[in-house]
Amino acid sequence: MDQENVSATLTVAVPAASVFTVLTDPRTHSAIDGTGWVQEAADRAPLTEVGQVFRMDMYHPNHPNGNYRVANQILVLDPPRAIGWRTGEEKNDGHLEFGGWGWRYDLVPLGPSETAITLTYDWSPVPQRIREYLHFPPFGPEHLTNSLQHLAELAAPPSTT
């Protein structure tokens, strides 16, 4: 495969600022996740700056331990237009090690209450030594679409009916 990223776009009837607020709350990430792997935020503070690290508890049946924790480091934070992070792990000594894959949400306001959201998963920086035992992408493209639909539901204003 020549392409080393996959993305999906969804237009939602929600202001970009509302979508961005949901994305900067790690507590919402398990509900956004389209794979079912993200379990719970280990770090619950809002995402507010480039370099910030937030940890998520995960589960994957093919992971050696089943349950595991990832450390994500914010690389892009441009309210309310973009947020992105790289994913890795925290070693026992506290050292962070990143595998080279990352997530990015780009928000394009289409009006006061409509936003085009693009979710991109990029594995282009993954070194060959990791590619020898991990397959990329580790999920089908429908998982990105599922994530965007979940995000839209979470960001939508409460129904007044």
C-alpha atoms as a PDB file:
ATOM      1  CA  MET A   1       0.000   0.000   0.000  1.00  0.00           C
ATOM      2  CA  ASP A   2       1.479   3.318  -1.076  1.00  0.00           C
ATOM      3  CA  GLN A   3      -0.886   5.424   1.007  1.00  0.00           C
ATOM      4  CA  GLU A   4       0.216   5.766   4.620  1.00  0.00           C
ATOM      5  CA  ASN A   5      -2.836   7.484   6.033  1.00  0.00           C
ATOM      6  CA  VAL A   6      -6.571   7.071   5.924  1.00  0.00           C
ATOM      7  CA  SER A   7      -9.220   9.693   6.536  1.00  0.00           C
ATOM      8  CA  ALA A   8     -12.949  10.258   6.583  1.00  0.00           C
ATOM      9  CA  THR A   9     -15.025  13.431   6.519  1.00  0.00           C
ATOM     10  CA  LEU A  10     -18.497  14.103   7.889  1.00  0.00           C
ATOM     11  CA  THR A  11     -20.505  17.320   7.813  1.00  0.00           C
ATOM     12  CA  VAL A  12     -22.484  17.903  11.006  1.00  0.00           C
ATOM     13  CA  ALA A  13     -25.075  20.452  12.095  1.00  0.00           C
ATOM     14  CA  VAL A  14     -22.959  21.516  15.063  1.00  0.00           C
ATOM     15  CA  PRO A  15     -20.724  24.599  15.499  1.00  0.00           C
ATOM     16  CA  ALA A  16     -16.982  23.914  15.242  1.00  0.00           C
ATOM     17  CA  ALA A  17     -16.427  25.234  18.784  1.00  0.00           C
ATOM     18  CA  SER A  18     -18.829  22.631  20.195  1.00  0.00           C
ATOM     19  CA  VAL A  19     -17.105  19.814  18.310  1.00  0.00           C
ATOM     20  CA  PHE A  20     -13.693  21.070  19.453  1.00  0.00           C
ATOM     21  CA  THR A  21     -14.840  21.154  23.086  1.00  0.00           C
ATOM     22  CA  VAL A  22     -15.777  17.473  22.903  1.00  0.00           C
ATOM     23  CA  LEU A  23     -12.430  16.580  21.316  1.00  0.00           C
ATOM     24  CA  THR A  24     -10.436  18.376  24.017  1.00  0.00           C
ATOM     25  CA  ASP A  25     -12.125  16.356  26.769  1.00  0.00           C
ATOM     26  CA  PRO A  26     -10.293  13.012  27.146  1.00  0.00           C
ATOM     27  CA  ARG A  27     -13.287  11.644  29.059  1.00  0.00           C
ATOM     28  CA  THR A  28     -15.274  11.618  25.789  1.00  0.00           C
ATOM     29  CA  HIS A  29     -12.715   9.686  23.745  1.00  0.00           C
ATOM     30  CA  SER A  30     -14.019   6.233  24.629  1.00  0.00           C
ATOM     31  CA  ALA A  31     -17.494   7.272  23.450  1.00  0.00           C
ATOM     32  CA  ILE A  32     -16.023   8.740  20.232  1.00  0.00           C
ATOM     33  CA  ASP A  33     -13.884   5.702  19.408  1.00  0.00           C
ATOM     34  CA  GLY A  34     -15.136   3.727  16.418  1.00  0.00           C
ATOM     35  CA  THR A  35     -13.100   0.599  17.181  1.00  0.00           C
ATOM     36  CA  GLY A  36     -14.218  -0.105  20.737  1.00  0.00           C
ATOM     37  CA  TRP A  37     -10.588  -0.265  21.889  1.00  0.00           C
ATOM     38  CA  VAL A  38     -10.528   2.959  23.933  1.00  0.00           C
ATOM     39  CA  GLN A  39     -11.859   2.163  27.392  1.00  0.00           C
ATOM     40  CA  GLU A  40     -11.377   5.148  29.695  1.00  0.00           C
ATOM     41  CA  ALA A  41      -9.303   8.275  30.161  1.00  0.00           C
ATOM     42  CA  ALA A  42      -6.539   7.783  32.709  1.00  0.00           C
ATOM     43  CA  ASP A  43      -5.857  11.538  32.527  1.00  0.00           C
ATOM     44  CA  ARG A  44      -9.054  13.549  32.719  1.00  0.00           C
ATOM     45  CA  ALA A  45      -7.787  17.137  32.408  1.00  0.00           C
ATOM     46  CA  PRO A  46      -8.884  19.071  29.303  1.00  0.00           C
ATOM     47  CA  LEU A  47      -6.397  19.166  26.423  1.00  0.00           C
ATOM     48  CA  THR A  48      -5.070  22.714  26.351  1.00  0.00           C
ATOM     49  CA  GLU A  49      -1.544  22.843  24.894  1.00  0.00           C
ATOM     50  CA  VAL A  50       0.882  21.346  22.420  1.00  0.00           C
ATOM     51  CA  GLY A  51       3.160  18.873  24.211  1.00  0.00           C
ATOM     52  CA  GLN A  52       0.511  17.858  26.753  1.00  0.00           C
ATOM     53  CA  VAL A  53       0.336  14.108  27.372  1.00  0.00           C
ATOM     54  CA  PHE A  54      -2.885  12.282  28.094  1.00  0.00           C
ATOM     55  CA  ARG A  55      -3.177   8.579  28.807  1.00  0.00           C
ATOM     56  CA  MET A  56      -5.990   6.254  27.817  1.00  0.00           C
ATOM     57  CA  ASP A  57      -6.809   2.777  29.069  1.00  0.00           C
ATOM     58  CA  MET A  58      -7.303   0.438  26.139  1.00  0.00           C
ATOM     59  CA  TYR A  59      -8.393  -3.096  25.326  1.00  0.00           C
ATOM     60  CA  HIS A  60      -7.604  -5.151  22.249  1.00  0.00           C
ATOM     61  CA  PRO A  61      -8.031  -8.934  22.077  1.00  0.00           C
ATOM     62  CA  ASN A  62      -4.811  -9.315  20.039  1.00  0.00           C
ATOM     63  CA  HIS A  63      -2.690  -7.247  22.445  1.00  0.00           C
ATOM     64  CA  PRO A  64      -0.384  -9.480  24.535  1.00  0.00           C
ATOM     65  CA  ASN A  65      -2.013  -8.227  27.755  1.00  0.00           C
ATOM     66  CA  GLY A  66      -5.511  -7.526  26.419  1.00  0.00           C
ATOM     67  CA  ASN A  67      -5.752  -4.432  28.613  1.00  0.00           C
ATOM     68  CA  TYR A  68      -3.052  -1.808  28.204  1.00  0.00           C
ATOM     69  CA  ARG A  69      -2.475   1.944  28.443  1.00  0.00           C
ATOM     70  CA  VAL A  70      -1.361   4.363  25.739  1.00  0.00           C
ATOM     71  CA  ALA A  71       0.226   7.769  26.163  1.00  0.00           C
ATOM     72  CA  ASN A  72      -0.834  10.404  23.637  1.00  0.00           C
ATOM     73  CA  GLN A  73       1.077  13.629  23.083  1.00  0.00           C
ATOM     74  CA  ILE A  74      -0.646  16.667  21.587  1.00  0.00           C
ATOM     75  CA  LEU A  75       1.144  17.810  18.402  1.00  0.00           C
ATOM     76  CA  VAL A  76      -1.479  20.224  17.016  1.00  0.00           C
ATOM     77  CA  LEU A  77      -3.896  22.405  18.953  1.00  0.00           C
ATOM     78  CA  ASP A  78      -5.531  25.177  16.951  1.00  0.00           C
ATOM     79  CA  PRO A  79      -8.930  25.985  18.514  1.00  0.00           C
ATOM     80  CA  PRO A  80     -11.479  25.426  17.081  1.00  0.00           C
ATOM     81  CA  ARG A  81      -9.929  24.168  13.829  1.00  0.00           C
ATOM     82  CA  ALA A  82      -7.532  21.294  14.559  1.00  0.00           C
ATOM     83  CA  ILE A  83      -6.318  18.898  17.202  1.00  0.00           C
ATOM     84  CA  GLY A  84      -3.878  16.045  16.695  1.00  0.00           C
ATOM     85  CA  TRP A  85      -1.730  13.690  18.723  1.00  0.00           C
ATOM     86  CA  ARG A  86       0.742  10.867  18.408  1.00  0.00           C
ATOM     87  CA  THR A  87       0.270   7.641  20.288  1.00  0.00           C
ATOM     88  CA  GLY A  88       2.841   5.658  22.217  1.00  0.00           C
ATOM     89  CA  GLU A  89       3.523   4.197  25.595  1.00  0.00           C
ATOM     90  CA  GLU A  90       5.072   5.215  28.870  1.00  0.00           C
ATOM     91  CA  LYS A  91       7.896   2.957  29.998  1.00  0.00           C
ATOM     92  CA  ASN A  92       8.353   1.938  33.660  1.00  0.00           C
ATOM     93  CA  ASP A  93      10.959   4.688  34.098  1.00  0.00           C
ATOM     94  CA  GLY A  94       8.490   7.337  32.862  1.00  0.00           C
ATOM     95  CA  HIS A  95      10.134   7.676  29.428  1.00  0.00           C
ATOM     96  CA  LEU A  96       7.632   8.141  26.600  1.00  0.00           C
ATOM     97  CA  GLU A  97       8.147   6.126  23.427  1.00  0.00           C
ATOM     98  CA  PHE A  98       6.080   6.790  20.306  1.00  0.00           C
ATOM     99  CA  GLY A  99       5.528   4.332  17.482  1.00  0.00           C
ATOM    100  CA  GLY A 100       5.001   6.852  14.704  1.00  0.00           C
ATOM    101  CA  TRP A 101       1.226   6.800  14.225  1.00  0.00           C
ATOM    102  CA  GLY A 102      -1.147   9.587  15.079  1.00  0.00           C
ATOM    103  CA  TRP A 103      -4.632  11.010  14.908  1.00  0.00           C
ATOM    104  CA  ARG A 104      -5.797  14.402  13.682  1.00  0.00           C
ATOM    105  CA  TYR A 105      -9.174  16.103  13.534  1.00  0.00           C
ATOM    106  CA  ASP A 106      -9.573  19.080  11.183  1.00  0.00           C
ATOM    107  CA  LEU A 107     -12.710  21.194  11.591  1.00  0.00           C
ATOM    108  CA  VAL A 108     -13.940  23.516   8.849  1.00  0.00           C
ATOM    109  CA  PRO A 109     -16.821  25.797   9.849  1.00  0.00           C
ATOM    110  CA  LEU A 110     -19.385  25.890   7.034  1.00  0.00           C
ATOM    111  CA  GLY A 111     -21.572  28.408   8.832  1.00  0.00           C
ATOM    112  CA  PRO A 112     -22.497  29.309  12.400  1.00  0.00           C
ATOM    113  CA  SER A 113     -23.922  25.857  13.129  1.00  0.00           C
ATOM    114  CA  GLU A 114     -22.379  23.501  10.573  1.00  0.00           C
ATOM    115  CA  THR A 115     -18.923  21.929  10.484  1.00  0.00           C
ATOM    116  CA  ALA A 116     -17.041  19.589   8.176  1.00  0.00           C
ATOM    117  CA  ILE A 117     -14.932  17.261  10.329  1.00  0.00           C
ATOM    118  CA  THR A 118     -12.063  15.271   8.830  1.00  0.00           C
ATOM    119  CA  LEU A 119     -10.457  12.535  10.915  1.00  0.00           C
ATOM    120  CA  THR A 120      -7.066  11.305   9.699  1.00  0.00           C
ATOM    121  CA  TYR A 121      -5.042   8.358  10.973  1.00  0.00           C
ATOM    122  CA  ASP A 122      -1.433   8.663   9.741  1.00  0.00           C
ATOM    123  CA  TRP A 123       1.215   5.968  10.082  1.00  0.00           C
ATOM    124  CA  SER A 124       3.770   7.370   7.624  1.00  0.00           C
ATOM    125  CA  PRO A 125       6.461   7.965  10.315  1.00  0.00           C
ATOM    126  CA  VAL A 126       6.290   4.355  11.633  1.00  0.00           C
ATOM    127  CA  PRO A 127       9.765   2.792  11.444  1.00  0.00           C
ATOM    128  CA  GLN A 128      10.276  -0.489   9.589  1.00  0.00           C
ATOM    129  CA  ARG A 129      11.108  -2.371  12.809  1.00  0.00           C
ATOM    130  CA  ILE A 130       7.546  -1.730  14.047  1.00  0.00           C
ATOM    131  CA  ARG A 131       5.985  -2.463  10.647  1.00  0.00           C
ATOM    132  CA  GLU A 132       7.483  -5.941  10.858  1.00  0.00           C
ATOM    133  CA  TYR A 133       5.042  -6.913  13.614  1.00  0.00           C
ATOM    134  CA  LEU A 134       2.149  -4.425  13.344  1.00  0.00           C
ATOM    135  CA  HIS A 135      -0.194  -4.127  10.375  1.00  0.00           C
ATOM    136  CA  PHE A 136      -1.269  -0.621   9.278  1.00  0.00           C
ATOM    137  CA  PRO A 137      -3.913   0.508   9.439  1.00  0.00           C
ATOM    138  CA  PRO A 138      -5.008  -1.805  12.265  1.00  0.00           C
ATOM    139  CA  PHE A 139      -8.703  -1.282  11.446  1.00  0.00           C
ATOM    140  CA  GLY A 140     -10.974  -0.796   8.464  1.00  0.00           C
ATOM    141  CA  PRO A 141     -11.991   2.646   7.177  1.00  0.00           C
ATOM    142  CA  GLU A 142     -15.488   2.226   8.616  1.00  0.00           C
ATOM    143  CA  HIS A 143     -14.031   2.794  12.083  1.00  0.00           C
ATOM    144  CA  LEU A 144     -13.151   6.381  11.181  1.00  0.00           C
ATOM    145  CA  THR A 145     -16.682   6.999   9.922  1.00  0.00           C
ATOM    146  CA  ASN A 146     -18.074   5.428  13.116  1.00  0.00           C
ATOM    147  CA  SER A 147     -15.881   7.732  15.202  1.00  0.00           C
ATOM    148  CA  LEU A 148     -17.104  10.804  13.346  1.00  0.00           C
ATOM    149  CA  GLN A 149     -20.730   9.767  13.806  1.00  0.00           C
ATOM    150  CA  HIS A 150     -20.150   9.237  17.543  1.00  0.00           C
ATOM    151  CA  LEU A 151     -18.432  12.623  17.783  1.00  0.00           C
ATOM    152  CA  ALA A 152     -21.362  14.312  16.017  1.00  0.00           C
ATOM    153  CA  GLU A 153     -23.822  12.739  18.473  1.00  0.00           C
ATOM    154  CA  LEU A 154     -21.776  13.853  21.475  1.00  0.00           C
ATOM    155  CA  ALA A 155     -21.346  17.411  20.172  1.00  0.00           C
ATOM    156  CA  ALA A 156     -24.972  17.890  19.098  1.00  0.00           C
ATOM    157  CA  PRO A 157     -27.047  20.250  21.224  1.00  0.00           C
ATOM    158  CA  PRO A 158     -29.498  18.490  23.532  1.00  0.00           C
ATOM    159  CA  SER A 159     -32.876  17.821  21.977  1.00  0.00           C
ATOM    160  CA  THR A 160     -35.654  20.122  23.194  1.00  0.00           C
ATOM    161  CA  THR A 161     -38.442  17.630  22.510  1.00  0.00           C
END
